[in-house]
N, C-alpha and C. Protein backbone atom coordinates (compact mmCIF):
# COMPACT_ATOMS: atom_id res chain seq x y z
N MET A 1 -77.37 60.23 49.47
CA MET A 1 -77.31 60.33 48.03
C MET A 1 -76.01 60.85 47.51
N ASN A 2 -75.54 61.93 48.30
CA ASN A 2 -74.32 62.60 47.94
C ASN A 2 -73.20 61.61 48.07
N VAL A 3 -73.15 60.82 49.01
CA VAL A 3 -72.12 59.89 49.08
C VAL A 3 -72.05 58.88 47.98
N PHE A 4 -73.24 58.38 47.52
CA PHE A 4 -73.25 57.55 46.44
C PHE A 4 -72.72 58.08 45.17
N SER A 5 -73.01 59.37 44.89
CA SER A 5 -72.55 60.01 43.65
C SER A 5 -71.00 60.19 43.67
N ARG A 6 -70.57 60.49 44.96
CA ARG A 6 -69.16 60.57 44.93
C ARG A 6 -68.36 59.29 44.88
N THR A 7 -69.06 58.27 45.36
CA THR A 7 -68.40 56.88 45.29
C THR A 7 -68.42 56.40 43.78
N ASN A 8 -69.48 56.72 43.11
CA ASN A 8 -69.62 56.46 41.69
C ASN A 8 -68.67 57.11 40.90
N GLU A 9 -68.37 58.43 41.12
CA GLU A 9 -67.37 59.17 40.31
C GLU A 9 -65.99 58.61 40.69
N GLY A 10 -65.78 58.14 41.90
CA GLY A 10 -64.44 57.60 42.22
C GLY A 10 -64.31 56.19 41.45
N MET A 11 -65.23 55.47 41.41
CA MET A 11 -65.20 54.26 40.56
C MET A 11 -64.92 54.47 39.16
N MET A 12 -65.54 55.54 38.51
CA MET A 12 -65.35 55.88 37.21
C MET A 12 -63.91 56.38 36.92
N GLY A 13 -63.34 57.15 37.86
CA GLY A 13 -62.03 57.65 37.87
C GLY A 13 -61.02 56.50 37.84
N GLU A 14 -61.27 55.56 38.65
CA GLU A 14 -60.28 54.31 38.70
C GLU A 14 -60.34 53.55 37.38
N ALA A 15 -61.56 53.39 36.82
CA ALA A 15 -61.76 52.63 35.55
C ALA A 15 -61.26 53.31 34.31
N ALA A 16 -61.15 54.62 34.36
CA ALA A 16 -60.77 55.24 33.15
C ALA A 16 -59.39 54.93 32.43
N PRO A 17 -58.21 54.69 33.17
CA PRO A 17 -57.13 54.23 32.51
C PRO A 17 -57.38 52.87 31.85
N PHE A 18 -58.16 51.94 32.41
CA PHE A 18 -58.30 50.64 31.84
C PHE A 18 -59.16 50.84 30.54
N ALA A 19 -60.13 51.73 30.57
CA ALA A 19 -60.95 51.94 29.38
C ALA A 19 -60.24 52.64 28.25
N LEU A 20 -59.22 53.49 28.71
CA LEU A 20 -58.37 54.12 27.72
C LEU A 20 -57.39 53.14 27.03
N SER A 21 -56.88 52.26 27.82
CA SER A 21 -55.99 51.26 27.25
C SER A 21 -56.70 50.26 26.38
N ILE A 22 -57.92 49.92 26.65
CA ILE A 22 -58.71 49.03 25.68
C ILE A 22 -58.89 49.76 24.43
N ILE A 23 -59.32 51.06 24.41
CA ILE A 23 -59.60 51.79 23.28
C ILE A 23 -58.38 51.97 22.44
N LEU A 24 -57.26 52.16 23.03
CA LEU A 24 -55.95 52.33 22.30
C LEU A 24 -55.53 50.99 21.74
N PHE A 25 -55.65 49.89 22.40
CA PHE A 25 -55.35 48.66 21.85
C PHE A 25 -56.15 48.19 20.72
N SER A 26 -57.49 48.49 20.92
CA SER A 26 -58.43 48.06 19.77
C SER A 26 -58.16 49.00 18.48
N SER A 27 -57.89 50.24 18.80
CA SER A 27 -57.65 51.10 17.45
C SER A 27 -56.31 50.70 16.76
N LEU A 28 -55.25 50.27 17.54
CA LEU A 28 -54.06 49.89 17.03
C LEU A 28 -54.35 48.49 16.17
N PHE A 29 -55.21 47.68 16.87
CA PHE A 29 -55.51 46.43 16.16
C PHE A 29 -56.19 46.54 14.97
N VAL A 30 -57.08 47.35 14.90
CA VAL A 30 -57.99 47.70 13.65
C VAL A 30 -56.98 48.46 12.63
N GLY A 31 -56.08 49.15 12.96
CA GLY A 31 -55.11 49.91 12.09
C GLY A 31 -54.20 48.88 11.42
N LEU A 32 -53.74 47.93 12.25
CA LEU A 32 -52.90 46.97 11.64
C LEU A 32 -53.67 46.04 10.56
N MET A 33 -55.01 45.69 10.82
CA MET A 33 -55.81 44.95 10.13
C MET A 33 -55.99 45.61 8.81
N LEU A 34 -56.28 46.96 8.75
CA LEU A 34 -56.53 47.77 7.63
C LEU A 34 -55.28 47.78 6.87
N LYS A 35 -54.16 47.94 7.40
CA LYS A 35 -52.92 48.08 6.70
C LYS A 35 -52.62 46.69 5.88
N HIS A 36 -52.78 45.59 6.60
CA HIS A 36 -52.49 44.33 5.90
C HIS A 36 -53.52 44.09 4.83
N GLU A 37 -54.80 44.42 5.02
CA GLU A 37 -55.83 44.33 4.11
C GLU A 37 -55.46 45.08 2.80
N SER A 38 -55.12 46.40 2.92
CA SER A 38 -54.81 47.20 1.79
C SER A 38 -53.62 46.72 1.09
N ARG A 39 -52.66 46.11 1.82
CA ARG A 39 -51.46 45.51 1.21
C ARG A 39 -51.85 44.33 0.27
N ASP A 40 -52.78 43.52 0.87
CA ASP A 40 -53.25 42.34 0.17
C ASP A 40 -54.04 42.79 -1.02
N LEU A 41 -54.77 43.87 -1.00
CA LEU A 41 -55.57 44.23 -2.12
C LEU A 41 -54.77 44.78 -3.33
N ARG A 42 -53.56 45.54 -2.92
CA ARG A 42 -52.73 45.95 -3.79
C ARG A 42 -51.95 44.84 -4.55
N ARG A 43 -51.73 43.79 -3.76
CA ARG A 43 -50.91 42.67 -4.30
C ARG A 43 -51.81 41.93 -5.25
N ALA A 44 -53.14 41.82 -4.95
CA ALA A 44 -54.03 41.09 -5.86
C ALA A 44 -54.37 41.87 -7.09
N SER A 45 -54.41 43.14 -7.09
CA SER A 45 -54.66 43.90 -8.22
C SER A 45 -53.48 44.08 -9.12
N GLY A 46 -52.32 43.67 -8.73
CA GLY A 46 -51.13 43.66 -9.63
C GLY A 46 -50.35 44.97 -9.34
N GLY A 47 -50.72 45.77 -8.39
CA GLY A 47 -49.91 47.03 -7.99
C GLY A 47 -48.62 46.66 -7.33
N SER A 48 -47.83 47.70 -7.13
CA SER A 48 -46.48 47.44 -6.39
C SER A 48 -46.64 47.55 -4.87
């Protein structure tokens, strides 16, 4: 049982950088979408 838990922790440690890069990429993508959407809303309302 102890070997299984250490193996599981090792797999989580190896997967952590990939999970972090996915979170970073998705947050940047959402930020860009919100920036473009707010720009389109300002343009549609007649603002500068």
